[in-house]
C-alpha atoms as a PDB file:
ATOM      1  CA  MET A   1      52.925-292.162 115.079  1.00  0.00           C
ATOM      2  CA  THR A   2      53.178-288.644 116.562  1.00  0.00           C
ATOM      3  CA  ALA A   3      52.211-288.147 120.216  1.00  0.00           C
ATOM      4  CA  ARG A   4      48.863-289.890 119.952  1.00  0.00           C
ATOM      5  CA  VAL A   5      49.435-292.537 122.615  1.00  0.00           C
ATOM      6  CA  PHE A   6      48.477-292.430 126.292  1.00  0.00           C
ATOM      7  CA  CYS A   7      50.531-294.826 128.385  1.00  0.00           C
ATOM      8  CA  ALA A   8      48.269-296.243 131.089  1.00  0.00           C
ATOM      9  CA  ILE A   9      49.833-295.967 134.545  1.00  0.00           C
ATOM     10  CA  ASP A  10      47.747-298.535 136.401  1.00  0.00           C
ATOM     11  CA  THR A  11      49.565-299.036 139.684  1.00  0.00           C
ATOM     12  CA  PRO A  12      48.968-297.538 143.147  1.00  0.00           C
ATOM     13  CA  ASP A  13      52.720-297.209 143.760  1.00  0.00           C
ATOM     14  CA  LEU A  14      53.857-293.581 143.417  1.00  0.00           C
ATOM     15  CA  ASP A  15      57.589-294.276 143.243  1.00  0.00           C
ATOM     16  CA  GLN A  16      57.077-296.937 140.584  1.00  0.00           C
ATOM     17  CA  SER A  17      54.828-294.591 138.592  1.00  0.00           C
ATOM     18  CA  ILE A  18      57.307-291.715 138.769  1.00  0.00           C
ATOM     19  CA  GLN A  19      60.178-293.945 137.705  1.00  0.00           C
ATOM     20  CA  LEU A  20      58.167-295.284 134.773  1.00  0.00           C
ATOM     21  CA  VAL A  21      57.167-291.800 133.604  1.00  0.00           C
ATOM     22  CA  ARG A  22      60.751-290.583 133.987  1.00  0.00           C
ATOM     23  CA  ASN A  23      62.063-293.544 131.965  1.00  0.00           C
ATOM     24  CA  LEU A  24      59.550-292.851 129.193  1.00  0.00           C
ATOM     25  CA  SER A  25      60.268-289.130 129.010  1.00  0.00           C
ATOM     26  CA  ALA A  26      62.590-289.685 126.052  1.00  0.00           C
ATOM     27  CA  VAL A  27      59.630-290.448 123.776  1.00  0.00           C
ATOM     28  CA  PRO A  28      56.517-288.361 122.988  1.00  0.00           C
ATOM     29  CA  LEU A  29      53.978-290.128 125.170  1.00  0.00           C
ATOM     30  CA  HIS A  30      51.034-288.824 127.170  1.00  0.00           C
ATOM     31  CA  PHE A  31      49.935-290.496 130.412  1.00  0.00           C
ATOM     32  CA  LYS A  32      46.676-291.965 131.673  1.00  0.00           C
ATOM     33  CA  LEU A  33      46.204-292.207 135.424  1.00  0.00           C
ATOM     34  CA  GLY A  34      43.521-294.676 136.437  1.00  0.00           C
ATOM     35  CA  LEU A  35      41.555-295.574 139.526  1.00  0.00           C
ATOM     36  CA  GLU A  36      44.316-297.692 141.064  1.00  0.00           C
ATOM     37  CA  PHE A  37      46.698-294.758 141.037  1.00  0.00           C
ATOM     38  CA  PHE A  38      44.173-292.062 141.951  1.00  0.00           C
ATOM     39  CA  THR A  39      42.608-293.971 144.837  1.00  0.00           C
ATOM     40  CA  ALA A  40      46.034-294.419 146.417  1.00  0.00           C
ATOM     41  CA  GLN A  41      47.657-291.083 145.556  1.00  0.00           C
ATOM     42  CA  GLY A  42      44.870-288.565 144.881  1.00  0.00           C
ATOM     43  CA  LEU A  43      45.412-285.157 143.310  1.00  0.00           C
ATOM     44  CA  ALA A  44      48.794-284.793 145.022  1.00  0.00           C
ATOM     45  CA  GLY A  45      49.993-287.829 143.074  1.00  0.00           C
ATOM     46  CA  VAL A  46      48.626-286.375 139.843  1.00  0.00           C
ATOM     47  CA  GLU A  47      50.624-283.195 140.469  1.00  0.00           C
ATOM     48  CA  LYS A  48      53.817-285.211 141.018  1.00  0.00           C
ATOM     49  CA  ILE A  49      53.337-287.162 137.808  1.00  0.00           C
ATOM     50  CA  ARG A  50      52.678-283.944 135.902  1.00  0.00           C
ATOM     51  CA  ALA A  51      55.900-282.439 137.252  1.00  0.00           C
ATOM     52  CA  VAL A  52      57.925-285.430 136.053  1.00  0.00           C
ATOM     53  CA  ALA A  53      56.124-285.747 132.698  1.00  0.00           C
ATOM     54  CA  GLY A  54      56.683-282.103 131.769  1.00  0.00           C
ATOM     55  CA  ASP A  55      54.535-279.637 129.892  1.00  0.00           C
ATOM     56  CA  ARG A  56      54.545-281.530 126.590  1.00  0.00           C
ATOM     57  CA  ALA A  57      52.707-284.523 128.064  1.00  0.00           C
ATOM     58  CA  GLU A  58      48.946-284.471 128.492  1.00  0.00           C
ATOM     59  CA  ILE A  59      47.372-286.068 131.560  1.00  0.00           C
ATOM     60  CA  PHE A  60      44.293-288.244 131.153  1.00  0.00           C
ATOM     61  CA  LEU A  61      42.520-288.761 134.479  1.00  0.00           C
ATOM     62  CA  ASP A  62      40.498-291.914 133.963  1.00  0.00           C
ATOM     63  CA  LEU A  63      38.032-291.902 136.879  1.00  0.00           C
ATOM     64  CA  LYS A  64      34.939-293.126 134.989  1.00  0.00           C
ATOM     65  CA  LEU A  65      32.597-291.010 137.125  1.00  0.00           C
ATOM     66  CA  HIS A  66      29.061-292.393 137.373  1.00  0.00           C
ATOM     67  CA  ASP A  67      26.608-290.972 139.893  1.00  0.00           C
ATOM     68  CA  ILE A  68      23.742-288.521 140.185  1.00  0.00           C
ATOM     69  CA  PRO A  69      24.439-285.212 138.382  1.00  0.00           C
ATOM     70  CA  ASN A  70      25.048-283.181 141.537  1.00  0.00           C
ATOM     71  CA  THR A  71      27.669-285.618 142.811  1.00  0.00           C
ATOM     72  CA  VAL A  72      29.405-285.774 139.426  1.00  0.00           C
ATOM     73  CA  VAL A  73      29.501-281.977 139.276  1.00  0.00           C
ATOM     74  CA  GLY A  74      31.324-281.927 142.608  1.00  0.00           C
ATOM     75  CA  ALA A  75      33.734-284.636 141.502  1.00  0.00           C
ATOM     76  CA  VAL A  76      34.538-282.904 138.207  1.00  0.00           C
ATOM     77  CA  SER A  77      35.099-279.598 139.986  1.00  0.00           C
ATOM     78  CA  SER A  78      37.468-281.291 142.429  1.00  0.00           C
ATOM     79  CA  ALA A  79      39.327-283.108 139.645  1.00  0.00           C
ATOM     80  CA  LEU A  80      40.024-279.797 137.870  1.00  0.00           C
ATOM     81  CA  CYS A  81      42.521-278.995 140.637  1.00  0.00           C
ATOM     82  CA  GLY A  82      44.794-281.617 139.066  1.00  0.00           C
ATOM     83  CA  LYS A  83      44.596-279.826 135.682  1.00  0.00           C
ATOM     84  CA  PRO A  84      43.972-282.950 133.586  1.00  0.00           C
ATOM     85  CA  GLN A  85      43.547-282.475 129.856  1.00  0.00           C
ATOM     86  CA  PHE A  86      41.050-285.368 129.772  1.00  0.00           C
ATOM     87  CA  LEU A  87      38.590-286.735 132.342  1.00  0.00           C
ATOM     88  CA  THR A  88      36.226-289.681 131.967  1.00  0.00           C
ATOM     89  CA  ILE A  89      32.613-290.212 132.952  1.00  0.00           C
ATOM     90  CA  HIS A  90      30.268-293.105 132.101  1.00  0.00           C
ATOM     91  CA  ALA A  91      27.867-292.502 129.213  1.00  0.00           C
ATOM     92  CA  SER A  92      25.425-294.871 130.892  1.00  0.00           C
ATOM     93  CA  GLY A  93      24.985-292.222 133.603  1.00  0.00           C
ATOM     94  CA  GLY A  94      22.569-290.547 131.197  1.00  0.00           C
ATOM     95  CA  ALA A  95      22.201-287.234 129.401  1.00  0.00           C
ATOM     96  CA  ALA A  96      21.550-285.107 132.495  1.00  0.00           C
ATOM     97  CA  MET A  97      24.683-286.394 134.198  1.00  0.00           C
ATOM     98  CA  MET A  98      26.834-285.892 131.108  1.00  0.00           C
ATOM     99  CA  LYS A  99      25.556-282.358 130.526  1.00  0.00           C
ATOM    100  CA  ALA A 100      26.231-281.519 134.167  1.00  0.00           C
ATOM    101  CA  ALA A 101      29.788-282.843 133.863  1.00  0.00           C
ATOM    102  CA  VAL A 102      30.433-280.773 130.738  1.00  0.00           C
ATOM    103  CA  ALA A 103      29.144-277.635 132.443  1.00  0.00           C
ATOM    104  CA  ALA A 104      31.264-278.287 135.547  1.00  0.00           C
ATOM    105  CA  ALA A 105      34.378-278.775 133.417  1.00  0.00           C
ATOM    106  CA  GLU A 106      34.088-275.169 132.189  1.00  0.00           C
ATOM    107  CA  LYS A 107      36.179-276.106 129.129  1.00  0.00           C
ATOM    108  CA  LYS A 108      39.209-276.544 131.402  1.00  0.00           C
ATOM    109  CA  THR A 109      39.353-280.250 130.588  1.00  0.00           C
ATOM    110  CA  LYS A 110      37.916-282.423 127.841  1.00  0.00           C
ATOM    111  CA  ILE A 111      35.137-284.725 129.047  1.00  0.00           C
ATOM    112  CA  LEU A 112      35.184-288.232 127.575  1.00  0.00           C
ATOM    113  CA  ALA A 113      32.268-290.617 128.002  1.00  0.00           C
ATOM    114  CA  VAL A 114      33.020-294.323 128.435  1.00  0.00           C
ATOM    115  CA  THR A 115      30.680-296.461 126.337  1.00  0.00           C
ATOM    116  CA  VAL A 116      31.195-300.236 126.763  1.00  0.00           C
ATOM    117  CA  LEU A 117      34.305-301.435 128.606  1.00  0.00           C
ATOM    118  CA  THR A 118      36.740-303.331 126.403  1.00  0.00           C
ATOM    119  CA  ASN A 119      36.701-306.405 128.641  1.00  0.00           C
ATOM    120  CA  LEU A 120      32.983-306.937 127.879  1.00  0.00           C
ATOM    121  CA  ASP A 121      31.578-308.801 124.892  1.00  0.00           C
ATOM    122  CA  ASP A 122      28.031-309.622 123.742  1.00  0.00           C
ATOM    123  CA  ASN A 123      27.622-312.424 126.272  1.00  0.00           C
ATOM    124  CA  ASP A 124      28.651-310.122 129.117  1.00  0.00           C
ATOM    125  CA  LEU A 125      26.213-307.423 128.011  1.00  0.00           C
ATOM    126  CA  SER A 126      23.364-309.924 127.800  1.00  0.00           C
ATOM    127  CA  ALA A 127      24.134-311.165 131.300  1.00  0.00           C
ATOM    128  CA  ILE A 128      23.738-307.659 132.752  1.00  0.00           C
ATOM    129  CA  GLY A 129      20.646-306.834 130.737  1.00  0.00           C
ATOM    130  CA  GLN A 130      22.158-304.406 128.223  1.00  0.00           C
ATOM    131  CA  ALA A 131      21.432-304.339 124.524  1.00  0.00           C
ATOM    132  CA  THR A 132      23.554-306.404 122.163  1.00  0.00           C
ATOM    133  CA  PRO A 133      25.517-306.617 119.974  1.00  0.00           C
ATOM    134  CA  ALA A 134      28.158-304.495 121.698  1.00  0.00           C
ATOM    135  CA  ALA A 135      28.606-302.253 118.648  1.00  0.00           C
ATOM    136  CA  ASP A 136      24.934-301.240 118.757  1.00  0.00           C
ATOM    137  CA  GLN A 137      25.143-300.352 122.443  1.00  0.00           C
ATOM    138  CA  VAL A 138      28.343-298.362 121.872  1.00  0.00           C
ATOM    139  CA  LEU A 139      26.746-296.379 119.034  1.00  0.00           C
ATOM    140  CA  ARG A 140      23.620-295.702 121.095  1.00  0.00           C
ATOM    141  CA  LEU A 141      25.647-294.385 124.027  1.00  0.00           C
ATOM    142  CA  ALA A 142      28.019-292.468 121.759  1.00  0.00           C
ATOM    143  CA  ARG A 143      25.155-290.612 120.097  1.00  0.00           C
ATOM    144  CA  LEU A 144      23.726-289.754 123.500  1.00  0.00           C
ATOM    145  CA  ALA A 145      27.142-288.514 124.623  1.00  0.00           C
ATOM    146  CA  GLN A 146      27.637-286.359 121.540  1.00  0.00           C
ATOM    147  CA  ASP A 147      24.152-284.869 121.935  1.00  0.00           C
ATOM    148  CA  SER A 148      25.020-284.124 125.583  1.00  0.00           C
ATOM    149  CA  GLY A 149      28.007-282.014 124.580  1.00  0.00           C
ATOM    150  CA  VAL A 150      30.939-284.185 125.642  1.00  0.00           C
ATOM    151  CA  ASP A 151      34.188-283.836 123.707  1.00  0.00           C
ATOM    152  CA  GLY A 152      34.511-287.488 122.811  1.00  0.00           C
ATOM    153  CA  ILE A 153      34.131-291.060 123.941  1.00  0.00           C
ATOM    154  CA  VAL A 154      36.173-294.044 125.006  1.00  0.00           C
ATOM    155  CA  CYS A 155      35.430-297.091 122.860  1.00  0.00           C
ATOM    156  CA  SER A 156      37.035-300.322 121.712  1.00  0.00           C
ATOM    157  CA  PRO A 157      38.855-300.333 118.348  1.00  0.00           C
ATOM    158  CA  HIS A 158      36.151-302.555 116.894  1.00  0.00           C
ATOM    159  CA  GLU A 159      33.644-299.695 116.953  1.00  0.00           C
ATOM    160  CA  ILE A 160      35.845-296.995 115.384  1.00  0.00           C
ATOM    161  CA  LYS A 161      34.589-297.442 111.829  1.00  0.00           C
ATOM    162  CA  ILE A 162      30.870-297.287 112.609  1.00  0.00           C
ATOM    163  CA  LEU A 163      31.383-294.378 115.000  1.00  0.00           C
ATOM    164  CA  ARG A 164      33.298-292.354 112.427  1.00  0.00           C
ATOM    165  CA  GLN A 165      30.553-293.010 109.897  1.00  0.00           C
ATOM    166  CA  ASN A 166      27.859-291.777 112.291  1.00  0.00           C
ATOM    167  CA  LEU A 167      29.565-289.129 114.447  1.00  0.00           C
ATOM    168  CA  GLY A 168      31.897-287.346 112.033  1.00  0.00           C
ATOM    169  CA  ARG A 169      35.636-286.711 111.983  1.00  0.00           C
ATOM    170  CA  ASN A 170      35.923-284.151 114.789  1.00  0.00           C
ATOM    171  CA  PHE A 171      34.446-286.145 117.675  1.00  0.00           C
ATOM    172  CA  LEU A 172      37.284-287.585 119.774  1.00  0.00           C
ATOM    173  CA  LEU A 173      37.625-291.362 119.860  1.00  0.00           C
ATOM    174  CA  VAL A 174      40.016-292.462 122.605  1.00  0.00           C
ATOM    175  CA  VAL A 175      40.716-296.137 122.174  1.00  0.00           C
ATOM    176  CA  PRO A 176      41.995-298.699 124.711  1.00  0.00           C
ATOM    177  CA  GLY A 177      42.180-302.410 123.985  1.00  0.00           C
ATOM    178  CA  ILE A 178      45.288-301.847 121.841  1.00  0.00           C
ATOM    179  CA  ARG A 179      47.616-304.803 121.519  1.00  0.00           C
ATOM    180  CA  PRO A 180      50.680-304.715 119.239  1.00  0.00           C
ATOM    181  CA  SER A 181      51.201-307.859 117.184  1.00  0.00           C
ATOM    182  CA  GLY A 182      52.441-310.661 119.401  1.00  0.00           C
ATOM    183  CA  SER A 183      51.281-309.067 122.664  1.00  0.00           C
ATOM    184  CA  ALA A 184      49.224-311.002 125.197  1.00  0.00           C
ATOM    185  CA  GLN A 185      45.551-310.088 125.056  1.00  0.00           C
ATOM    186  CA  GLY A 186      45.126-310.276 128.851  1.00  0.00           C
ATOM    187  CA  ASP A 187      41.612-309.442 130.042  1.00  0.00           C
ATOM    188  CA  GLN A 188      40.741-307.474 126.888  1.00  0.00           C
ATOM    189  CA  LYS A 189      38.230-309.033 124.487  1.00  0.00           C
ATOM    190  CA  ARG A 190      37.806-306.421 121.718  1.00  0.00           C
ATOM    191  CA  THR A 191      41.357-305.610 120.663  1.00  0.00           C
ATOM    192  CA  MET A 192      43.311-304.356 117.633  1.00  0.00           C
ATOM    193  CA  THR A 193      46.860-303.345 116.730  1.00  0.00           C
ATOM    194  CA  PRO A 194      47.917-299.670 116.988  1.00  0.00           C
ATOM    195  CA  LYS A 195      48.210-299.211 113.219  1.00  0.00           C
ATOM    196  CA  GLU A 196      44.835-300.791 112.535  1.00  0.00           C
ATOM    197  CA  ALA A 197      43.113-298.523 115.072  1.00  0.00           C
ATOM    198  CA  LEU A 198      44.772-295.342 113.789  1.00  0.00           C
ATOM    199  CA  ASP A 199      44.037-296.218 110.172  1.00  0.00           C
ATOM    200  CA  LEU A 200      40.343-296.562 111.071  1.00  0.00           C
ATOM    201  CA  GLY A 201      40.277-293.104 112.648  1.00  0.00           C
ATOM    202  CA  ALA A 202      41.183-293.325 116.352  1.00  0.00           C
ATOM    203  CA  SER A 203      42.097-289.927 117.815  1.00  0.00           C
ATOM    204  CA  TYR A 204      44.236-291.328 120.640  1.00  0.00           C
ATOM    205  CA  LEU A 205      45.320-294.802 121.688  1.00  0.00           C
ATOM    206  CA  VAL A 206      45.561-296.019 125.282  1.00  0.00           C
ATOM    207  CA  ILE A 207      48.270-298.634 125.766  1.00  0.00           C
ATOM    208  CA  GLY A 208      49.167-300.069 129.145  1.00  0.00           C
ATOM    209  CA  ARG A 209      50.705-303.464 129.742  1.00  0.00           C
ATOM    210  CA  PRO A 210      52.421-303.844 126.323  1.00  0.00           C
ATOM    211  CA  ILE A 211      54.572-300.908 127.510  1.00  0.00           C
ATOM    212  CA  THR A 212      54.511-300.994 131.302  1.00  0.00           C
ATOM    213  CA  ALA A 213      54.920-304.773 131.678  1.00  0.00           C
ATOM    214  CA  ALA A 214      57.655-305.035 129.046  1.00  0.00           C
ATOM    215  CA  ALA A 215      61.168-305.973 130.096  1.00  0.00           C
ATOM    216  CA  ASP A 216      62.255-302.640 128.599  1.00  0.00           C
ATOM    217  CA  PRO A 217      59.290-300.193 128.642  1.00  0.00           C
ATOM    218  CA  LEU A 218      61.188-297.502 126.726  1.00  0.00           C
ATOM    219  CA  ALA A 219      62.138-299.882 123.931  1.00  0.00           C
ATOM    220  CA  ALA A 220      58.543-301.164 123.782  1.00  0.00           C
ATOM    221  CA  ALA A 221      57.203-297.611 123.561  1.00  0.00           C
ATOM    222  CA  LYS A 222      59.685-296.721 120.805  1.00  0.00           C
ATOM    223  CA  THR A 223      58.637-299.779 118.803  1.00  0.00           C
ATOM    224  CA  ILE A 224      54.972-298.816 119.072  1.00  0.00           C
ATOM    225  CA  LEU A 225      55.566-295.158 118.196  1.00  0.00           C
ATOM    226  CA  ASP A 226      57.732-296.128 115.194  1.00  0.00           C
ATOM    227  CA  MET A 227      54.997-298.270 113.654  1.00  0.00           C
ATOM    228  CA  LYS A 228      53.997-297.090 110.189  1.00  0.00           C
END
């Protein structure tokens, strides 16, 4: 597996994050910085992680922006100061919001639209009044995102096959909910192993706790990257 994995840094602690990134620098990983980290450390923290990660590592700023178009434009413009290669918005914000985000990005970062969070299943979607099954809702939002000009989407591994069939090979599919064999599922409900997801056509995998919560994160990352 060649440099197609984002390690999710989901902690507000800057020193802990820097140490983790430094420890993982021996393997070809990219890094996802989520809301926990960004809320605590802001763009200054992003810059520090980038400095430690080095030029080979891509930074995925996972903010899941969801607001009126004008507000999202301002947020995207501000986020560009951190020079992320990827930035997330919510597809459920609608076409106008997604188009505004793409325009604000000015091709300086790839905009990814989040479809249905991987901790939600059909029962959860029904409870909040969204269409089910989850795969149908993901495809609906993914088509809207593609038509709105985003570079790709974030989806669970269970939707990769149907999305590839409907959206083509070039649309980016960034896939969380990845659990190596034997890993705890945690709060994820729609999961798959790294090999299964890549074989189906995932562009990138997002893997957090199976690496970051391991007794030896570097060894865990090496095991995942060595999977055939």
